Amino acid sequence: MSTRVADRPARSDDLAGRVHSELAMDLPDEDFGEHLDDSLDFYRMGSKPRCEEIEYLEMVREAQERIERGY
C-alpha cells in the first residue's frame, strides 16, 4: 500500500507533463510557465485577436481542468 501512495505524486507529475506537452504542441507559439495558473493569471486581455484569445483561454483552462481531475 505504501508503494501506491508513493507513486501518486509521480503519476500526477506525469499527467501534468503530458497535458502541458499537448498544450504546447497545440499552441507552439506560446511560452507556458511551469504552472498553467500563471499563464491565465498573467494573461493580458486584448493581447490577441478576439477569436484567438477565446480559443487560447479555453485551451489553457481545459488543460488545467484535466490536470486537476487527474485525466
PDB file of N, CA and C in Angstrom:
ATOM      1  N   MET A   1       0.814  -1.188   0.000  1.00  0.00           N
ATOM      2  CA  MET A   1       0.000   0.000   0.000  1.00  0.00           C
ATOM      3  C   MET A   1       0.862   1.257   0.000  1.00  0.00           C
ATOM      4  N   SER A   2       1.961   1.262   0.697  1.00  0.00           N
ATOM      5  CA  SER A   2       2.810   2.438   0.729  1.00  0.00           C
ATOM      6  C   SER A   2       3.399   2.741  -0.648  1.00  0.00           C
ATOM      7  N   THR A   3       3.595   1.723  -1.474  1.00  0.00           N
ATOM      8  CA  THR A   3       4.115   1.948  -2.815  1.00  0.00           C
ATOM      9  C   THR A   3       3.127   2.746  -3.648  1.00  0.00           C
ATOM     10  N   ARG A   4       1.849   2.427  -3.544  1.00  0.00           N
ATOM     11  CA  ARG A   4       0.835   3.155  -4.300  1.00  0.00           C
ATOM     12  C   ARG A   4       0.804   4.629  -3.905  1.00  0.00           C
ATOM     13  N   VAL A   5       0.858   4.906  -2.617  1.00  0.00           N
ATOM     14  CA  VAL A   5       0.839   6.285  -2.141  1.00  0.00           C
ATOM     15  C   VAL A   5       2.065   7.019  -2.655  1.00  0.00           C
ATOM     16  N   ALA A   6       3.215   6.356  -2.626  1.00  0.00           N
ATOM     17  CA  ALA A   6       4.442   6.986  -3.100  1.00  0.00           C
ATOM     18  C   ALA A   6       4.394   7.242  -4.602  1.00  0.00           C
ATOM     19  N   ASP A   7       3.658   6.395  -5.360  1.00  0.00           N
ATOM     20  CA  ASP A   7       3.566   6.553  -6.807  1.00  0.00           C
ATOM     21  C   ASP A   7       2.621   7.670  -7.223  1.00  0.00           C
ATOM     22  N   ARG A   8       1.698   8.064  -6.405  1.00  0.00           N
ATOM     23  CA  ARG A   8       0.697   9.060  -6.797  1.00  0.00           C
ATOM     24  C   ARG A   8       1.288  10.383  -7.248  1.00  0.00           C
ATOM     25  N   PRO A   9       2.225  10.972  -6.516  1.00  0.00           N
ATOM     26  CA  PRO A   9       2.778  12.239  -6.996  1.00  0.00           C
ATOM     27  C   PRO A   9       3.468  12.097  -8.344  1.00  0.00           C
ATOM     28  N   ALA A  10       4.151  10.987  -8.553  1.00  0.00           N
ATOM     29  CA  ALA A  10       4.826  10.777  -9.829  1.00  0.00           C
ATOM     30  C   ALA A  10       3.796  10.702 -10.953  1.00  0.00           C
ATOM     31  N   ARG A  11       2.703   9.988 -10.737  1.00  0.00           N
ATOM     32  CA  ARG A  11       1.666   9.896 -11.759  1.00  0.00           C
ATOM     33  C   ARG A  11       1.063  11.257 -12.025  1.00  0.00           C
ATOM     34  N   SER A  12       0.838  12.016 -10.983  1.00  0.00           N
ATOM     35  CA  SER A  12       0.291  13.359 -11.130  1.00  0.00           C
ATOM     36  C   SER A  12       1.241  14.244 -11.923  1.00  0.00           C
ATOM     37  N   ASP A  13       2.519  14.138 -11.624  1.00  0.00           N
ATOM     38  CA  ASP A  13       3.524  14.907 -12.353  1.00  0.00           C
ATOM     39  C   ASP A  13       3.594  14.468 -13.810  1.00  0.00           C
ATOM     40  N   ASP A  14       3.470  13.144 -14.047  1.00  0.00           N
ATOM     41  CA  ASP A  14       3.474  12.624 -15.414  1.00  0.00           C
ATOM     42  C   ASP A  14       2.280  13.170 -16.195  1.00  0.00           C
ATOM     43  N   LEU A  15       1.117  13.168 -15.577  1.00  0.00           N
ATOM     44  CA  LEU A  15      -0.088  13.685 -16.232  1.00  0.00           C
ATOM     45  C   LEU A  15       0.084  15.164 -16.541  1.00  0.00           C
ATOM     46  N   ALA A  16       0.528  15.928 -15.573  1.00  0.00           N
ATOM     47  CA  ALA A  16       0.725  17.361 -15.786  1.00  0.00           C
ATOM     48  C   ALA A  16       1.719  17.597 -16.916  1.00  0.00           C
ATOM     49  N   GLY A  17       2.766  16.820 -16.966  1.00  0.00           N
ATOM     50  CA  GLY A  17       3.753  16.950 -18.032  1.00  0.00           C
ATOM     51  C   GLY A  17       3.181  16.623 -19.398  1.00  0.00           C
ATOM     52  N   ARG A  18       2.373  15.549 -19.449  1.00  0.00           N
ATOM     53  CA  ARG A  18       1.734  15.173 -20.714  1.00  0.00           C
ATOM     54  C   ARG A  18       0.771  16.241 -21.197  1.00  0.00           C
ATOM     55  N   VAL A  19      -0.079  16.723 -20.285  1.00  0.00           N
ATOM     56  CA  VAL A  19      -1.061  17.744 -20.646  1.00  0.00           C
ATOM     57  C   VAL A  19      -0.347  19.026 -21.074  1.00  0.00           C
ATOM     58  N   HIS A  20       0.678  19.385 -20.366  1.00  0.00           N
ATOM     59  CA  HIS A  20       1.461  20.581 -20.688  1.00  0.00           C
ATOM     60  C   HIS A  20       2.097  20.429 -22.075  1.00  0.00           C
ATOM     61  N   SER A  21       2.643  19.249 -22.374  1.00  0.00           N
ATOM     62  CA  SER A  21       3.252  18.992 -23.684  1.00  0.00           C
ATOM     63  C   SER A  21       2.223  19.050 -24.804  1.00  0.00           C
ATOM     64  N   GLU A  22       1.043  18.479 -24.557  1.00  0.00           N
ATOM     65  CA  GLU A  22      -0.018  18.525 -25.562  1.00  0.00           C
ATOM     66  C   GLU A  22      -0.434  19.966 -25.849  1.00  0.00           C
ATOM     67  N   LEU A  23      -0.554  20.748 -24.802  1.00  0.00           N
ATOM     68  CA  LEU A  23      -0.936  22.137 -24.965  1.00  0.00           C
ATOM     69  C   LEU A  23       0.140  22.898 -25.740  1.00  0.00           C
ATOM     70  N   ALA A  24       1.390  22.631 -25.446  1.00  0.00           N
ATOM     71  CA  ALA A  24       2.491  23.285 -26.147  1.00  0.00           C
ATOM     72  C   ALA A  24       2.514  22.892 -27.627  1.00  0.00           C
ATOM     73  N   MET A  25       2.119  21.656 -27.941  1.00  0.00           N
ATOM     74  CA  MET A  25       2.045  21.240 -29.343  1.00  0.00           C
ATOM     75  C   MET A  25       0.888  21.932 -30.054  1.00  0.00           C
ATOM     76  N   ASP A  26      -0.229  22.100 -29.353  1.00  0.00           N
ATOM     77  CA  ASP A  26      -1.398  22.759 -29.935  1.00  0.00           C
ATOM     78  C   ASP A  26      -1.182  24.260 -30.101  1.00  0.00           C
ATOM     79  N   LEU A  27      -0.389  24.829 -29.226  1.00  0.00           N
ATOM     80  CA  LEU A  27      -0.122  26.275 -29.247  1.00  0.00           C
ATOM     81  C   LEU A  27       1.400  26.500 -29.244  1.00  0.00           C
ATOM     82  N   PRO A  28       2.065  26.159 -30.353  1.00  0.00           N
ATOM     83  CA  PRO A  28       3.532  26.183 -30.362  1.00  0.00           C
ATOM     84  C   PRO A  28       4.160  27.567 -30.200  1.00  0.00           C
ATOM     85  N   ASP A  29       3.429  28.616 -30.479  1.00  0.00           N
ATOM     86  CA  ASP A  29       3.994  29.961 -30.370  1.00  0.00           C
ATOM     87  C   ASP A  29       3.904  30.538 -28.963  1.00  0.00           C
ATOM     88  N   GLU A  30       3.246  29.819 -28.067  1.00  0.00           N
ATOM     89  CA  GLU A  30       3.062  30.305 -26.707  1.00  0.00           C
ATOM     90  C   GLU A  30       4.175  29.795 -25.803  1.00  0.00           C
ATOM     91  N   ASP A  31       4.507  30.586 -24.809  1.00  0.00           N
ATOM     92  CA  ASP A  31       5.521  30.215 -23.827  1.00  0.00           C
ATOM     93  C   ASP A  31       4.814  30.001 -22.497  1.00  0.00           C
ATOM     94  N   PHE A  32       4.580  28.741 -22.159  1.00  0.00           N
ATOM     95  CA  PHE A  32       3.883  28.418 -20.914  1.00  0.00           C
ATOM     96  C   PHE A  32       4.890  28.220 -19.792  1.00  0.00           C
ATOM     97  N   GLY A  33       4.568  28.758 -18.647  1.00  0.00           N
ATOM     98  CA  GLY A  33       5.399  28.538 -17.478  1.00  0.00           C
ATOM     99  C   GLY A  33       5.164  27.149 -16.929  1.00  0.00           C
ATOM    100  N   GLU A  34       5.748  26.889 -15.810  1.00  0.00           N
ATOM    101  CA  GLU A  34       5.600  25.575 -15.185  1.00  0.00           C
ATOM    102  C   GLU A  34       4.157  25.320 -14.762  1.00  0.00           C
ATOM    103  N   HIS A  35       3.466  26.370 -14.344  1.00  0.00           N
ATOM    104  CA  HIS A  35       2.095  26.239 -13.873  1.00  0.00           C
ATOM    105  C   HIS A  35       1.147  26.975 -14.808  1.00  0.00           C
ATOM    106  N   LEU A  36       0.108  26.279 -15.236  1.00  0.00           N
ATOM    107  CA  LEU A  36      -0.847  26.892 -16.156  1.00  0.00           C
ATOM    108  C   LEU A  36      -1.615  28.025 -15.494  1.00  0.00           C
ATOM    109  N   ASP A  37      -1.736  27.978 -14.178  1.00  0.00           N
ATOM    110  CA  ASP A  37      -2.387  29.083 -13.460  1.00  0.00           C
ATOM    111  C   ASP A  37      -1.698  30.405 -13.783  1.00  0.00           C
ATOM    112  N   ASP A  38      -0.377  30.372 -13.866  1.00  0.00           N
ATOM    113  CA  ASP A  38       0.383  31.584 -14.167  1.00  0.00           C
ATOM    114  C   ASP A  38       0.045  32.112 -15.556  1.00  0.00           C
ATOM    115  N   SER A  39      -0.140  31.196 -16.501  1.00  0.00           N
ATOM    116  CA  SER A  39      -0.474  31.616 -17.859  1.00  0.00           C
ATOM    117  C   SER A  39      -1.800  32.353 -17.886  1.00  0.00           C
ATOM    118  N   LEU A  40      -2.733  31.916 -17.066  1.00  0.00           N
ATOM    119  CA  LEU A  40      -4.031  32.586 -17.004  1.00  0.00           C
ATOM    120  C   LEU A  40      -3.960  33.857 -16.168  1.00  0.00           C
ATOM    121  N   ASP A  41      -3.255  33.808 -15.057  1.00  0.00           N
ATOM    122  CA  ASP A  41      -3.166  34.974 -14.169  1.00  0.00           C
ATOM    123  C   ASP A  41      -2.463  36.162 -14.818  1.00  0.00           C
ATOM    124  N   PHE A  42      -1.441  35.873 -15.608  1.00  0.00           N
ATOM    125  CA  PHE A  42      -0.648  36.950 -16.189  1.00  0.00           C
ATOM    126  C   PHE A  42      -1.052  37.300 -17.623  1.00  0.00           C
ATOM    127  N   TYR A  43      -2.091  36.642 -18.120  1.00  0.00           N
ATOM    128  CA  TYR A  43      -2.529  36.928 -19.483  1.00  0.00           C
ATOM    129  C   TYR A  43      -3.168  38.317 -19.554  1.00  0.00           C
ATOM    130  N   ARG A  44      -2.801  39.085 -20.545  1.00  0.00           N
ATOM    131  CA  ARG A  44      -3.370  40.418 -20.738  1.00  0.00           C
ATOM    132  C   ARG A  44      -4.490  40.336 -21.767  1.00  0.00           C
ATOM    133  N   MET A  45      -5.710  40.602 -21.331  1.00  0.00           N
ATOM    134  CA  MET A  45      -6.854  40.589 -22.238  1.00  0.00           C
ATOM    135  C   MET A  45      -6.625  41.612 -23.347  1.00  0.00           C
ATOM    136  N   GLY A  46      -6.965  41.212 -24.557  1.00  0.00           N
ATOM    137  CA  GLY A  46      -6.798  42.090 -25.701  1.00  0.00           C
ATOM    138  C   GLY A  46      -5.439  41.979 -26.367  1.00  0.00           C
ATOM    139  N   SER A  47      -4.582  41.112 -25.871  1.00  0.00           N
ATOM    140  CA  SER A  47      -3.249  40.979 -26.455  1.00  0.00           C
ATOM    141  C   SER A  47      -3.235  40.099 -27.706  1.00  0.00           C
ATOM    142  N   LYS A  48      -4.362  39.457 -27.995  1.00  0.00           N
ATOM    143  CA  LYS A  48      -4.516  38.625 -29.191  1.00  0.00           C
ATOM    144  C   LYS A  48      -5.806  39.047 -29.888  1.00  0.00           C
ATOM    145  N   PRO A  49      -5.944  38.705 -31.161  1.00  0.00           N
ATOM    146  CA  PRO A  49      -7.243  38.915 -31.801  1.00  0.00           C
ATOM    147  C   PRO A  49      -8.309  38.137 -31.032  1.00  0.00           C
ATOM    148  N   ARG A  50      -9.501  38.661 -30.986  1.00  0.00           N
ATOM    149  CA  ARG A  50     -10.574  38.112 -30.140  1.00  0.00           C
ATOM    150  C   ARG A  50     -10.793  36.612 -30.324  1.00  0.00           C
ATOM    151  N   CYS A  51     -10.871  36.140 -31.572  1.00  0.00           N
ATOM    152  CA  CYS A  51     -11.129  34.709 -31.778  1.00  0.00           C
ATOM    153  C   CYS A  51      -9.970  33.857 -31.273  1.00  0.00           C
ATOM    154  N   GLU A  52      -8.740  34.307 -31.465  1.00  0.00           N
ATOM    155  CA  GLU A  52      -7.578  33.580 -30.950  1.00  0.00           C
ATOM    156  C   GLU A  52      -7.544  33.618 -29.428  1.00  0.00           C
ATOM    157  N   GLU A  53      -7.917  34.741 -28.861  1.00  0.00           N
ATOM    158  CA  GLU A  53      -7.909  34.909 -27.414  1.00  0.00           C
ATOM    159  C   GLU A  53      -8.875  33.933 -26.755  1.00  0.00           C
ATOM    160  N   ILE A  54     -10.070  33.813 -27.303  1.00  0.00           N
ATOM    161  CA  ILE A  54     -11.072  32.899 -26.754  1.00  0.00           C
ATOM    162  C   ILE A  54     -10.570  31.462 -26.828  1.00  0.00           C
ATOM    163  N   GLU A  55     -10.027  31.081 -27.977  1.00  0.00           N
ATOM    164  CA  GLU A  55      -9.527  29.719 -28.148  1.00  0.00           C
ATOM    165  C   GLU A  55      -8.366  29.435 -27.189  1.00  0.00           C
ATOM    166  N   TYR A  56      -7.443  30.375 -27.079  1.00  0.00           N
ATOM    167  CA  TYR A  56      -6.293  30.232 -26.189  1.00  0.00           C
ATOM    168  C   TYR A  56      -6.750  30.014 -24.741  1.00  0.00           C
ATOM    169  N   LEU A  57      -7.621  30.886 -24.259  1.00  0.00           N
ATOM    170  CA  LEU A  57      -8.075  30.797 -22.867  1.00  0.00           C
ATOM    171  C   LEU A  57      -8.833  29.503 -22.609  1.00  0.00           C
ATOM    172  N   GLU A  58      -9.656  29.078 -23.559  1.00  0.00           N
ATOM    173  CA  GLU A  58     -10.389  27.817 -23.398  1.00  0.00           C
ATOM    174  C   GLU A  58      -9.443  26.632 -23.341  1.00  0.00           C
ATOM    175  N   MET A  59      -8.445  26.628 -24.211  1.00  0.00           N
ATOM    176  CA  MET A  59      -7.497  25.513 -24.232  1.00  0.00           C
ATOM    177  C   MET A  59      -6.685  25.436 -22.943  1.00  0.00           C
ATOM    178  N   VAL A  60      -6.244  26.570 -22.445  1.00  0.00           N
ATOM    179  CA  VAL A  60      -5.461  26.571 -21.211  1.00  0.00           C
ATOM    180  C   VAL A  60      -6.335  26.140 -20.034  1.00  0.00           C
ATOM    181  N   ARG A  61      -7.553  26.637 -19.964  1.00  0.00           N
ATOM    182  CA  ARG A  61      -8.458  26.240 -18.873  1.00  0.00           C
ATOM    183  C   ARG A  61      -8.787  24.749 -18.933  1.00  0.00           C
ATOM    184  N   GLU A  62      -9.026  24.247 -20.139  1.00  0.00           N
ATOM    185  CA  GLU A  62      -9.319  22.825 -20.290  1.00  0.00           C
ATOM    186  C   GLU A  62      -8.134  21.977 -19.847  1.00  0.00           C
ATOM    187  N   ALA A  63      -6.939  22.367 -20.231  1.00  0.00           N
ATOM    188  CA  ALA A  63      -5.734  21.641 -19.816  1.00  0.00           C
ATOM    189  C   ALA A  63      -5.585  21.669 -18.296  1.00  0.00           C
ATOM    190  N   GLN A  64      -5.824  22.810 -17.720  1.00  0.00           N
ATOM    191  CA  GLN A  64      -5.742  22.970 -16.266  1.00  0.00           C
ATOM    192  C   GLN A  64      -6.769  22.058 -15.579  1.00  0.00           C
ATOM    193  N   GLU A  65      -7.983  22.008 -16.092  1.00  0.00           N
ATOM    194  CA  GLU A  65      -9.023  21.147 -15.515  1.00  0.00           C
ATOM    195  C   GLU A  65      -8.674  19.677 -15.653  1.00  0.00           C
ATOM    196  N   ARG A  66      -8.082  19.293 -16.779  1.00  0.00           N
ATOM    197  CA  ARG A  66      -7.664  17.889 -16.956  1.00  0.00           C
ATOM    198  C   ARG A  66      -6.662  17.485 -15.885  1.00  0.00           C
ATOM    199  N   ILE A  67      -5.738  18.366 -15.604  1.00  0.00           N
ATOM    200  CA  ILE A  67      -4.726  18.079 -14.583  1.00  0.00           C
ATOM    201  C   ILE A  67      -5.397  17.963 -13.214  1.00  0.00           C
ATOM    202  N   GLU A  68      -6.300  18.878 -12.917  1.00  0.00           N
ATOM    203  CA  GLU A  68      -6.984  18.852 -11.621  1.00  0.00           C
ATOM    204  C   GLU A  68      -7.839  17.607 -11.459  1.00  0.00           C
ATOM    205  N   ARG A  69      -8.497  17.156 -12.542  1.00  0.00           N
ATOM    206  CA  ARG A  69      -9.334  15.969 -12.479  1.00  0.00           C
ATOM    207  C   ARG A  69      -8.512  14.686 -12.453  1.00  0.00           C
ATOM    208  N   GLY A  70      -7.304  14.771 -12.956  1.00  0.00           N
ATOM    209  CA  GLY A  70      -6.431  13.597 -12.936  1.00  0.00           C
ATOM    210  C   GLY A  70      -6.513  12.754 -14.176  1.00  0.00           C
ATOM    211  N   TYR A  71      -7.005  13.320 -15.282  1.00  0.00           N
ATOM    212  CA  TYR A  71      -7.018  12.574 -16.559  1.00  0.00           C
ATOM    213  C   TYR A  71      -7.021  13.474 -17.748  1.00  0.00           C
TER     214      TYR A  71
END
